[in-house]
Amino acid sequence: FQSLYFYCQEDAFEMMDACRRVVG
């Protein structure tokens, strides 16, 4: 969770949404 904001320039909630879209 924290690492996406601290190091990856990404939002963790958007990551979770993307994973759900991919797996169904």
mmCIF file of all heavy atoms, coordinates in Angstrom:
data_MODEL
# 
_entry.id   MODEL 
# 
loop_
_atom_site.group_PDB 
_atom_site.id 
_atom_site.type_symbol 
_atom_site.label_atom_id 
_atom_site.label_alt_id 
_atom_site.label_comp_id 
_atom_site.label_asym_id 
_atom_site.label_entity_id 
_atom_site.label_seq_id 
_atom_site.pdbx_PDB_ins_code 
_atom_site.Cartn_x 
_atom_site.Cartn_y 
_atom_site.Cartn_z 
_atom_site.occupancy 
_atom_site.B_iso_or_equiv 
_atom_site.pdbx_formal_charge 
_atom_site.auth_seq_id 
_atom_site.auth_comp_id 
_atom_site.auth_asym_id 
_atom_site.auth_atom_id 
_atom_site.pdbx_PDB_model_num 
ATOM 1   N N   . PHE A 1 1  ? 0.850   -1.193  0.000   1.00 0.00 ? 1  PHE A N   1 
ATOM 2   C CA  . PHE A 1 1  ? 0.000   0.000   0.000   1.00 0.00 ? 1  PHE A CA  1 
ATOM 3   C C   . PHE A 1 1  ? 0.887   1.245   0.000   1.00 0.00 ? 1  PHE A C   1 
ATOM 4   O O   . PHE A 1 1  ? 0.913   2.008   -0.954  1.00 0.00 ? 1  PHE A O   1 
ATOM 5   C CB  . PHE A 1 1  ? -0.952  0.009   1.192   1.00 0.00 ? 1  PHE A CB  1 
ATOM 6   C CG  . PHE A 1 1  ? -1.976  1.120   1.118   1.00 0.00 ? 1  PHE A CG  1 
ATOM 7   C CD1 . PHE A 1 1  ? -3.147  0.935   0.409   1.00 0.00 ? 1  PHE A CD1 1 
ATOM 8   C CD2 . PHE A 1 1  ? -1.751  2.355   1.710   1.00 0.00 ? 1  PHE A CD2 1 
ATOM 9   C CE1 . PHE A 1 1  ? -4.092  1.965   0.299   1.00 0.00 ? 1  PHE A CE1 1 
ATOM 10  C CE2 . PHE A 1 1  ? -2.679  3.392   1.616   1.00 0.00 ? 1  PHE A CE2 1 
ATOM 11  C CZ  . PHE A 1 1  ? -3.851  3.189   0.906   1.00 0.00 ? 1  PHE A CZ  1 
ATOM 12  N N   . GLN A 1 2  ? 1.654   1.433   1.060   1.00 0.00 ? 2  GLN A N   1 
ATOM 13  C CA  . GLN A 1 2  ? 2.499   2.622   1.146   1.00 0.00 ? 2  GLN A CA  1 
ATOM 14  C C   . GLN A 1 2  ? 3.499   2.715   -0.002  1.00 0.00 ? 2  GLN A C   1 
ATOM 15  O O   . GLN A 1 2  ? 3.782   3.801   -0.508  1.00 0.00 ? 2  GLN A O   1 
ATOM 16  C CB  . GLN A 1 2  ? 3.254   2.630   2.480   1.00 0.00 ? 2  GLN A CB  1 
ATOM 17  C CG  . GLN A 1 2  ? 2.399   2.954   3.688   1.00 0.00 ? 2  GLN A CG  1 
ATOM 18  C CD  . GLN A 1 2  ? 3.246   3.022   4.950   1.00 0.00 ? 2  GLN A CD  1 
ATOM 19  O OE1 . GLN A 1 2  ? 4.247   2.326   5.076   1.00 0.00 ? 2  GLN A OE1 1 
ATOM 20  N NE2 . GLN A 1 2  ? 2.843   3.855   5.887   1.00 0.00 ? 2  GLN A NE2 1 
ATOM 21  N N   . SER A 1 3  ? 4.067   1.579   -0.413  1.00 0.00 ? 3  SER A N   1 
ATOM 22  C CA  . SER A 1 3  ? 5.136   1.610   -1.413  1.00 0.00 ? 3  SER A CA  1 
ATOM 23  C C   . SER A 1 3  ? 4.693   2.226   -2.732  1.00 0.00 ? 3  SER A C   1 
ATOM 24  O O   . SER A 1 3  ? 5.495   2.855   -3.428  1.00 0.00 ? 3  SER A O   1 
ATOM 25  C CB  . SER A 1 3  ? 5.670   0.193   -1.664  1.00 0.00 ? 3  SER A CB  1 
ATOM 26  O OG  . SER A 1 3  ? 4.679   -0.614  -2.275  1.00 0.00 ? 3  SER A OG  1 
ATOM 27  N N   . LEU A 1 4  ? 3.418   2.052   -3.086  1.00 0.00 ? 4  LEU A N   1 
ATOM 28  C CA  . LEU A 1 4  ? 2.950   2.623   -4.347  1.00 0.00 ? 4  LEU A CA  1 
ATOM 29  C C   . LEU A 1 4  ? 3.013   4.147   -4.313  1.00 0.00 ? 4  LEU A C   1 
ATOM 30  O O   . LEU A 1 4  ? 3.319   4.789   -5.328  1.00 0.00 ? 4  LEU A O   1 
ATOM 31  C CB  . LEU A 1 4  ? 1.530   2.145   -4.649  1.00 0.00 ? 4  LEU A CB  1 
ATOM 32  C CG  . LEU A 1 4  ? 1.393   0.651   -4.953  1.00 0.00 ? 4  LEU A CG  1 
ATOM 33  C CD1 . LEU A 1 4  ? -0.048  0.284   -5.243  1.00 0.00 ? 4  LEU A CD1 1 
ATOM 34  C CD2 . LEU A 1 4  ? 2.267   0.242   -6.120  1.00 0.00 ? 4  LEU A CD2 1 
ATOM 35  N N   . TYR A 1 5  ? 2.725   4.736   -3.156  1.00 0.00 ? 5  TYR A N   1 
ATOM 36  C CA  . TYR A 1 5  ? 2.774   6.188   -3.025  1.00 0.00 ? 5  TYR A CA  1 
ATOM 37  C C   . TYR A 1 5  ? 4.200   6.676   -2.816  1.00 0.00 ? 5  TYR A C   1 
ATOM 38  O O   . TYR A 1 5  ? 4.587   7.740   -3.307  1.00 0.00 ? 5  TYR A O   1 
ATOM 39  C CB  . TYR A 1 5  ? 1.897   6.639   -1.853  1.00 0.00 ? 5  TYR A CB  1 
ATOM 40  C CG  . TYR A 1 5  ? 0.447   6.241   -2.014  1.00 0.00 ? 5  TYR A CG  1 
ATOM 41  C CD1 . TYR A 1 5  ? -0.056  5.125   -1.349  1.00 0.00 ? 5  TYR A CD1 1 
ATOM 42  C CD2 . TYR A 1 5  ? -0.405  6.942   -2.853  1.00 0.00 ? 5  TYR A CD2 1 
ATOM 43  C CE1 . TYR A 1 5  ? -1.379  4.739   -1.503  1.00 0.00 ? 5  TYR A CE1 1 
ATOM 44  C CE2 . TYR A 1 5  ? -1.723  6.566   -3.022  1.00 0.00 ? 5  TYR A CE2 1 
ATOM 45  C CZ  . TYR A 1 5  ? -2.202  5.455   -2.338  1.00 0.00 ? 5  TYR A CZ  1 
ATOM 46  O OH  . TYR A 1 5  ? -3.508  5.064   -2.504  1.00 0.00 ? 5  TYR A OH  1 
ATOM 47  N N   . PHE A 1 6  ? 5.001   5.908   -2.078  1.00 0.00 ? 6  PHE A N   1 
ATOM 48  C CA  . PHE A 1 6  ? 6.355   6.345   -1.724  1.00 0.00 ? 6  PHE A CA  1 
ATOM 49  C C   . PHE A 1 6  ? 7.345   6.184   -2.876  1.00 0.00 ? 6  PHE A C   1 
ATOM 50  O O   . PHE A 1 6  ? 8.261   6.989   -3.024  1.00 0.00 ? 6  PHE A O   1 
ATOM 51  C CB  . PHE A 1 6  ? 6.874   5.550   -0.527  1.00 0.00 ? 6  PHE A CB  1 
ATOM 52  C CG  . PHE A 1 6  ? 6.149   5.815   0.765   1.00 0.00 ? 6  PHE A CG  1 
ATOM 53  C CD1 . PHE A 1 6  ? 6.495   5.114   1.914   1.00 0.00 ? 6  PHE A CD1 1 
ATOM 54  C CD2 . PHE A 1 6  ? 5.136   6.754   0.850   1.00 0.00 ? 6  PHE A CD2 1 
ATOM 55  C CE1 . PHE A 1 6  ? 5.845   5.346   3.110   1.00 0.00 ? 6  PHE A CE1 1 
ATOM 56  C CE2 . PHE A 1 6  ? 4.467   6.988   2.045   1.00 0.00 ? 6  PHE A CE2 1 
ATOM 57  C CZ  . PHE A 1 6  ? 4.824   6.279   3.185   1.00 0.00 ? 6  PHE A CZ  1 
ATOM 58  N N   . TYR A 1 7  ? 7.186   5.107   -3.676  1.00 0.00 ? 7  TYR A N   1 
ATOM 59  C CA  . TYR A 1 7  ? 8.228   4.756   -4.633  1.00 0.00 ? 7  TYR A CA  1 
ATOM 60  C C   . TYR A 1 7  ? 7.751   4.586   -6.077  1.00 0.00 ? 7  TYR A C   1 
ATOM 61  O O   . TYR A 1 7  ? 8.544   4.701   -6.999  1.00 0.00 ? 7  TYR A O   1 
ATOM 62  C CB  . TYR A 1 7  ? 8.905   3.439   -4.216  1.00 0.00 ? 7  TYR A CB  1 
ATOM 63  C CG  . TYR A 1 7  ? 9.424   3.420   -2.810  1.00 0.00 ? 7  TYR A CG  1 
ATOM 64  C CD1 . TYR A 1 7  ? 8.886   2.562   -1.851  1.00 0.00 ? 7  TYR A CD1 1 
ATOM 65  C CD2 . TYR A 1 7  ? 10.467  4.261   -2.420  1.00 0.00 ? 7  TYR A CD2 1 
ATOM 66  C CE1 . TYR A 1 7  ? 9.376   2.533   -0.552  1.00 0.00 ? 7  TYR A CE1 1 
ATOM 67  C CE2 . TYR A 1 7  ? 10.955  4.241   -1.124  1.00 0.00 ? 7  TYR A CE2 1 
ATOM 68  C CZ  . TYR A 1 7  ? 10.402  3.370   -0.183  1.00 0.00 ? 7  TYR A CZ  1 
ATOM 69  O OH  . TYR A 1 7  ? 10.881  3.358   1.092   1.00 0.00 ? 7  TYR A OH  1 
ATOM 70  N N   . CYS A 1 8  ? 6.479   4.256   -6.272  1.00 0.00 ? 8  CYS A N   1 
ATOM 71  C CA  . CYS A 1 8  ? 6.030   3.805   -7.601  1.00 0.00 ? 8  CYS A CA  1 
ATOM 72  C C   . CYS A 1 8  ? 5.216   4.824   -8.382  1.00 0.00 ? 8  CYS A C   1 
ATOM 73  O O   . CYS A 1 8  ? 4.791   4.543   -9.504  1.00 0.00 ? 8  CYS A O   1 
ATOM 74  C CB  . CYS A 1 8  ? 5.212   2.516   -7.459  1.00 0.00 ? 8  CYS A CB  1 
ATOM 75  S SG  . CYS A 1 8  ? 6.109   1.165   -6.676  1.00 0.00 ? 8  CYS A SG  1 
ATOM 76  N N   . GLN A 1 9  ? 4.931   5.973   -7.786  1.00 0.00 ? 9  GLN A N   1 
ATOM 77  C CA  . GLN A 1 9  ? 4.145   7.024   -8.447  1.00 0.00 ? 9  GLN A CA  1 
ATOM 78  C C   . GLN A 1 9  ? 2.749   6.523   -8.834  1.00 0.00 ? 9  GLN A C   1 
ATOM 79  O O   . GLN A 1 9  ? 2.191   6.932   -9.844  1.00 0.00 ? 9  GLN A O   1 
ATOM 80  C CB  . GLN A 1 9  ? 4.896   7.532   -9.691  1.00 0.00 ? 9  GLN A CB  1 
ATOM 81  C CG  . GLN A 1 9  ? 6.272   8.087   -9.398  1.00 0.00 ? 9  GLN A CG  1 
ATOM 82  C CD  . GLN A 1 9  ? 7.028   8.500   -10.637 1.00 0.00 ? 9  GLN A CD  1 
ATOM 83  O OE1 . GLN A 1 9  ? 6.916   7.847   -11.674 1.00 0.00 ? 9  GLN A OE1 1 
ATOM 84  N NE2 . GLN A 1 9  ? 7.803   9.567   -10.553 1.00 0.00 ? 9  GLN A NE2 1 
ATOM 85  N N   . GLU A 1 10 ? 2.183   5.646   -8.004  1.00 0.00 ? 10 GLU A N   1 
ATOM 86  C CA  . GLU A 1 10 ? 0.884   5.058   -8.302  1.00 0.00 ? 10 GLU A CA  1 
ATOM 87  C C   . GLU A 1 10 ? -0.039  5.135   -7.097  1.00 0.00 ? 10 GLU A C   1 
ATOM 88  O O   . GLU A 1 10 ? 0.396   5.303   -5.956  1.00 0.00 ? 10 GLU A O   1 
ATOM 89  C CB  . GLU A 1 10 ? 1.043   3.585   -8.715  1.00 0.00 ? 10 GLU A CB  1 
ATOM 90  C CG  . GLU A 1 10 ? 1.714   3.380   -10.055 1.00 0.00 ? 10 GLU A CG  1 
ATOM 91  C CD  . GLU A 1 10 ? 1.661   1.927   -10.503 1.00 0.00 ? 10 GLU A CD  1 
ATOM 92  O OE1 . GLU A 1 10 ? 1.083   1.094   -9.784  1.00 0.00 ? 10 GLU A OE1 1 
ATOM 93  O OE2 . GLU A 1 10 ? 2.214   1.625   -11.565 1.00 0.00 ? 10 GLU A OE2 1 
ATOM 94  N N   . ASP A 1 11 ? -1.328  4.963   -7.380  1.00 0.00 ? 11 ASP A N   1 
ATOM 95  C CA  . ASP A 1 11 ? -2.361  4.946   -6.351  1.00 0.00 ? 11 ASP A CA  1 
ATOM 96  C C   . ASP A 1 11 ? -2.766  3.500   -6.075  1.00 0.00 ? 11 ASP A C   1 
ATOM 97  O O   . ASP A 1 11 ? -3.104  2.753   -6.995  1.00 0.00 ? 11 ASP A O   1 
ATOM 98  C CB  . ASP A 1 11 ? -3.570  5.761   -6.813  1.00 0.00 ? 11 ASP A CB  1 
ATOM 99  C CG  . ASP A 1 11 ? -4.673  5.778   -5.771  1.00 0.00 ? 11 ASP A CG  1 
ATOM 100 O OD1 . ASP A 1 11 ? -4.629  6.637   -4.883  1.00 0.00 ? 11 ASP A OD1 1 
ATOM 101 O OD2 . ASP A 1 11 ? -5.571  4.910   -5.846  1.00 0.00 ? 11 ASP A OD2 1 
ATOM 102 N N   . ALA A 1 12 ? -2.743  3.108   -4.803  1.00 0.00 ? 12 ALA A N   1 
ATOM 103 C CA  . ALA A 1 12 ? -3.030  1.720   -4.440  1.00 0.00 ? 12 ALA A CA  1 
ATOM 104 C C   . ALA A 1 12 ? -4.473  1.333   -4.735  1.00 0.00 ? 12 ALA A C   1 
ATOM 105 O O   . ALA A 1 12 ? -4.757  0.171   -5.079  1.00 0.00 ? 12 ALA A O   1 
ATOM 106 C CB  . ALA A 1 12 ? -2.718  1.489   -2.966  1.00 0.00 ? 12 ALA A CB  1 
ATOM 107 N N   . PHE A 1 13 ? -5.384  2.268   -4.591  1.00 0.00 ? 13 PHE A N   1 
ATOM 108 C CA  . PHE A 1 13 ? -6.788  1.947   -4.874  1.00 0.00 ? 13 PHE A CA  1 
ATOM 109 C C   . PHE A 1 13 ? -6.995  1.705   -6.370  1.00 0.00 ? 13 PHE A C   1 
ATOM 110 O O   . PHE A 1 13 ? -7.752  0.813   -6.765  1.00 0.00 ? 13 PHE A O   1 
ATOM 111 C CB  . PHE A 1 13 ? -7.699  3.067   -4.365  1.00 0.00 ? 13 PHE A CB  1 
ATOM 112 C CG  . PHE A 1 13 ? -7.709  3.200   -2.865  1.00 0.00 ? 13 PHE A CG  1 
ATOM 113 C CD1 . PHE A 1 13 ? -7.179  4.315   -2.247  1.00 0.00 ? 13 PHE A CD1 1 
ATOM 114 C CD2 . PHE A 1 13 ? -8.239  2.192   -2.079  1.00 0.00 ? 13 PHE A CD2 1 
ATOM 115 C CE1 . PHE A 1 13 ? -7.182  4.434   -0.868  1.00 0.00 ? 13 PHE A CE1 1 
ATOM 116 C CE2 . PHE A 1 13 ? -8.252  2.296   -0.691  1.00 0.00 ? 13 PHE A CE2 1 
ATOM 117 C CZ  . PHE A 1 13 ? -7.710  3.419   -0.089  1.00 0.00 ? 13 PHE A CZ  1 
ATOM 118 N N   . GLU A 1 14 ? -6.311  2.475   -7.196  1.00 0.00 ? 14 GLU A N   1 
ATOM 119 C CA  . GLU A 1 14 ? -6.401  2.240   -8.638  1.00 0.00 ? 14 GLU A CA  1 
ATOM 120 C C   . GLU A 1 14 ? -5.794  0.887   -9.004  1.00 0.00 ? 14 GLU A C   1 
ATOM 121 O O   . GLU A 1 14 ? -6.279  0.196   -9.906  1.00 0.00 ? 14 GLU A O   1 
ATOM 122 C CB  . GLU A 1 14 ? -5.692  3.367   -9.386  1.00 0.00 ? 14 GLU A CB  1 
ATOM 123 C CG  . GLU A 1 14 ? -6.394  4.712   -9.271  1.00 0.00 ? 14 GLU A CG  1 
ATOM 124 C CD  . GLU A 1 14 ? -5.649  5.826   -9.977  1.00 0.00 ? 14 GLU A CD  1 
ATOM 125 O OE1 . GLU A 1 14 ? -4.598  5.529   -10.601 1.00 0.00 ? 14 GLU A OE1 1 
ATOM 126 O OE2 . GLU A 1 14 ? -6.092  6.986   -9.901  1.00 0.00 ? 14 GLU A OE2 1 
ATOM 127 N N   . MET A 1 15 ? -4.726  0.487   -8.306  1.00 0.00 ? 15 MET A N   1 
ATOM 128 C CA  . MET A 1 15 ? -4.127  -0.822  -8.539  1.00 0.00 ? 15 MET A CA  1 
ATOM 129 C C   . MET A 1 15 ? -5.121  -1.936  -8.219  1.00 0.00 ? 15 MET A C   1 
ATOM 130 O O   . MET A 1 15 ? -5.278  -2.897  -8.985  1.00 0.00 ? 15 MET A O   1 
ATOM 131 C CB  . MET A 1 15 ? -2.862  -0.973  -7.693  1.00 0.00 ? 15 MET A CB  1 
ATOM 132 C CG  . MET A 1 15 ? -2.117  -2.307  -7.881  1.00 0.00 ? 15 MET A CG  1 
ATOM 133 S SD  . MET A 1 15 ? -2.734  -3.661  -6.810  1.00 0.00 ? 15 MET A SD  1 
ATOM 134 C CE  . MET A 1 15 ? -2.264  -3.051  -5.185  1.00 0.00 ? 15 MET A CE  1 
ATOM 135 N N   . MET A 1 16 ? -5.818  -1.816  -7.085  1.00 0.00 ? 16 MET A N   1 
ATOM 136 C CA  . MET A 1 16 ? -6.794  -2.845  -6.712  1.00 0.00 ? 16 MET A CA  1 
ATOM 137 C C   . MET A 1 16 ? -7.938  -2.915  -7.719  1.00 0.00 ? 16 MET A C   1 
ATOM 138 O O   . MET A 1 16 ? -8.389  -4.002  -8.098  1.00 0.00 ? 16 MET A O   1 
ATOM 139 C CB  . MET A 1 16 ? -7.317  -2.583  -5.293  1.00 0.00 ? 16 MET A CB  1 
ATOM 140 C CG  . MET A 1 16 ? -6.288  -2.872  -4.208  1.00 0.00 ? 16 MET A CG  1 
ATOM 141 S SD  . MET A 1 16 ? -6.955  -2.713  -2.526  1.00 0.00 ? 16 MET A SD  1 
ATOM 142 C CE  . MET A 1 16 ? -6.796  -0.951  -2.272  1.00 0.00 ? 16 MET A CE  1 
ATOM 143 N N   . ASP A 1 17 ? -8.401  -1.750  -8.160  1.00 0.00 ? 17 ASP A N   1 
ATOM 144 C CA  . ASP A 1 17 ? -9.471  -1.717  -9.174  1.00 0.00 ? 17 ASP A CA  1 
ATOM 145 C C   . ASP A 1 17 ? -9.022  -2.418  -10.454 1.00 0.00 ? 17 ASP A C   1 
ATOM 146 O O   . ASP A 1 17 ? -9.781  -3.186  -11.060 1.00 0.00 ? 17 ASP A O   1 
ATOM 147 C CB  . ASP A 1 17 ? -9.844  -0.264  -9.501  1.00 0.00 ? 17 ASP A CB  1 
ATOM 148 C CG  . ASP A 1 17 ? -10.557 0.434   -8.358  1.00 0.00 ? 17 ASP A CG  1 
ATOM 149 O OD1 . ASP A 1 17 ? -11.137 -0.270  -7.505  1.00 0.00 ? 17 ASP A OD1 1 
ATOM 150 O OD2 . ASP A 1 17 ? -10.543 1.681   -8.329  1.00 0.00 ? 17 ASP A OD2 1 
ATOM 151 N N   . ALA A 1 18 ? -7.796  -2.152  -10.878 1.00 0.00 ? 18 ALA A N   1 
ATOM 152 C CA  . ALA A 1 18 ? -7.277  -2.752  -12.105 1.00 0.00 ? 18 ALA A CA  1 
ATOM 153 C C   . ALA A 1 18 ? -7.184  -4.269  -11.982 1.00 0.00 ? 18 ALA A C   1 
ATOM 154 O O   . ALA A 1 18 ? -7.509  -5.007  -12.925 1.00 0.00 ? 18 ALA A O   1 
ATOM 155 C CB  . ALA A 1 18 ? -5.908  -2.162  -12.433 1.00 0.00 ? 18 ALA A CB  1 
ATOM 156 N N   . CYS A 1 19 ? -6.758  -4.742  -10.824 1.00 0.00 ? 19 CYS A N   1 
ATOM 157 C CA  . CYS A 1 19 ? -6.661  -6.199  -10.613 1.00 0.00 ? 19 CYS A CA  1 
ATOM 158 C C   . CYS A 1 19 ? -8.042  -6.854  -10.675 1.00 0.00 ? 19 CYS A C   1 
ATOM 159 O O   . CYS A 1 19 ? -8.197  -7.924  -11.283 1.00 0.00 ? 19 CYS A O   1 
ATOM 160 C CB  . CYS A 1 19 ? -5.994  -6.491  -9.275  1.00 0.00 ? 19 CYS A CB  1 
ATOM 161 S SG  . CYS A 1 19 ? -4.230  -6.113  -9.232  1.00 0.00 ? 19 CYS A SG  1 
ATOM 162 N N   . ARG A 1 20 ? -9.027  -6.210  -10.088 1.00 0.00 ? 20 ARG A N   1 
ATOM 163 C CA  . ARG A 1 20 ? -10.380 -6.786  -10.131 1.00 0.00 ? 20 ARG A CA  1 
ATOM 164 C C   . ARG A 1 20 ? -10.901 -6.827  -11.562 1.00 0.00 ? 20 ARG A C   1 
ATOM 165 O O   . ARG A 1 20 ? -11.533 -7.814  -11.975 1.00 0.00 ? 20 ARG A O   1 
ATOM 166 C CB  . ARG A 1 20 ? -11.315 -5.991  -9.218  1.00 0.00 ? 20 ARG A CB  1 
ATOM 167 C CG  . ARG A 1 20 ? -12.778 -6.423  -9.254  1.00 0.00 ? 20 ARG A CG  1 
ATOM 168 C CD  . ARG A 1 20 ? -12.945 -7.921  -8.985  1.00 0.00 ? 20 ARG A CD  1 
ATOM 169 N NE  . ARG A 1 20 ? -12.645 -8.273  -7.601  1.00 0.00 ? 20 ARG A NE  1 
ATOM 170 C CZ  . ARG A 1 20 ? -12.532 -9.527  -7.159  1.00 0.00 ? 20 ARG A CZ  1 
ATOM 171 N NH1 . ARG A 1 20 ? -12.644 -10.545 -8.028  1.00 0.00 ? 20 ARG A NH1 1 
ATOM 172 N NH2 . ARG A 1 20 ? -12.252 -9.786  -5.905  1.00 0.00 ? 20 ARG A NH2 1 
ATOM 173 N N   . ARG A 1 21 ? -10.646 -5.790  -12.321 1.00 0.00 ? 21 ARG A N   1 
ATOM 174 C CA  . ARG A 1 21 ? -11.099 -5.790  -13.715 1.00 0.00 ? 21 ARG A CA  1 
ATOM 175 C C   . ARG A 1 21 ? -10.469 -6.945  -14.494 1.00 0.00 ? 21 ARG A C   1 
ATOM 176 O O   . ARG A 1 21 ? -11.124 -7.585  -15.318 1.00 0.00 ? 21 ARG A O   1 
ATOM 177 C CB  . ARG A 1 21 ? -10.761 -4.458  -14.389 1.00 0.00 ? 21 ARG A CB  1 
ATOM 178 C CG  . ARG A 1 21 ? -11.628 -3.294  -13.950 1.00 0.00 ? 21 ARG A CG  1 
ATOM 179 C CD  . ARG A 1 21 ? -11.457 -2.103  -14.889 1.00 0.00 ? 21 ARG A CD  1 
ATOM 180 N NE  . ARG A 1 21 ? -10.094 -1.595  -14.917 1.00 0.00 ? 21 ARG A NE  1 
ATOM 181 C CZ  . ARG A 1 21 ? -9.637  -0.643  -14.100 1.00 0.00 ? 21 ARG A CZ  1 
ATOM 182 N NH1 . ARG A 1 21 ? -10.446 -0.103  -13.194 1.00 0.00 ? 21 ARG A NH1 1 
ATOM 183 N NH2 . ARG A 1 21 ? -8.379  -0.221  -14.207 1.00 0.00 ? 21 ARG A NH2 1 
ATOM 184 N N   . VAL A 1 22 ? -9.218  -7.228  -14.236 1.00 0.00 ? 22 VAL A N   1 
ATOM 185 C CA  . VAL A 1 22 ? -8.494  -8.266  -14.971 1.00 0.00 ? 22 VAL A CA  1 
ATOM 186 C C   . VAL A 1 22 ? -8.985  -9.659  -14.607 1.00 0.00 ? 22 VAL A C   1 
ATOM 187 O O   . VAL A 1 22 ? -9.160  -10.521 -15.481 1.00 0.00 ? 22 VAL A O   1 
ATOM 188 C CB  . VAL A 1 22 ? -6.974  -8.137  -14.716 1.00 0.00 ? 22 VAL A CB  1 
ATOM 189 C CG1 . VAL A 1 22 ? -6.240  -9.418  -15.137 1.00 0.00 ? 22 VAL A CG1 1 
ATOM 190 C CG2 . VAL A 1 22 ? -6.412  -6.953  -15.482 1.00 0.00 ? 22 VAL A CG2 1 
ATOM 191 N N   . VAL A 1 23 ? -9.232  -9.930  -13.327 1.00 0.00 ? 23 VAL A N   1 
ATOM 192 C CA  . VAL A 1 23 ? -9.557  -11.301 -12.907 1.00 0.00 ? 23 VAL A CA  1 
ATOM 193 C C   . VAL A 1 23 ? -11.048 -11.612 -12.986 1.00 0.00 ? 23 VAL A C   1 
ATOM 194 O O   . VAL A 1 23 ? -11.434 -12.785 -12.937 1.00 0.00 ? 23 VAL A O   1 
ATOM 195 C CB  . VAL A 1 23 ? -9.041  -11.576 -11.476 1.00 0.00 ? 23 VAL A CB  1 
ATOM 196 C CG1 . VAL A 1 23 ? -7.549  -11.323 -11.380 1.00 0.00 ? 23 VAL A CG1 1 
ATOM 197 C CG2 . VAL A 1 23 ? -9.807  -10.748 -10.430 1.00 0.00 ? 23 VAL A CG2 1 
ATOM 198 N N   . GLY A 1 24 ? -11.897 -10.600 -13.088 1.00 0.00 ? 24 GLY A N   1 
ATOM 199 C CA  . GLY A 1 24 ? -13.325 -10.850 -13.109 1.00 0.00 ? 24 GLY A CA  1 
ATOM 200 C C   . GLY A 1 24 ? -13.922 -10.909 -11.719 1.00 0.00 ? 24 GLY A C   1 
ATOM 201 O O   . GLY A 1 24 ? -13.220 -10.755 -10.719 1.00 0.00 ? 24 GLY A O   1 
# 
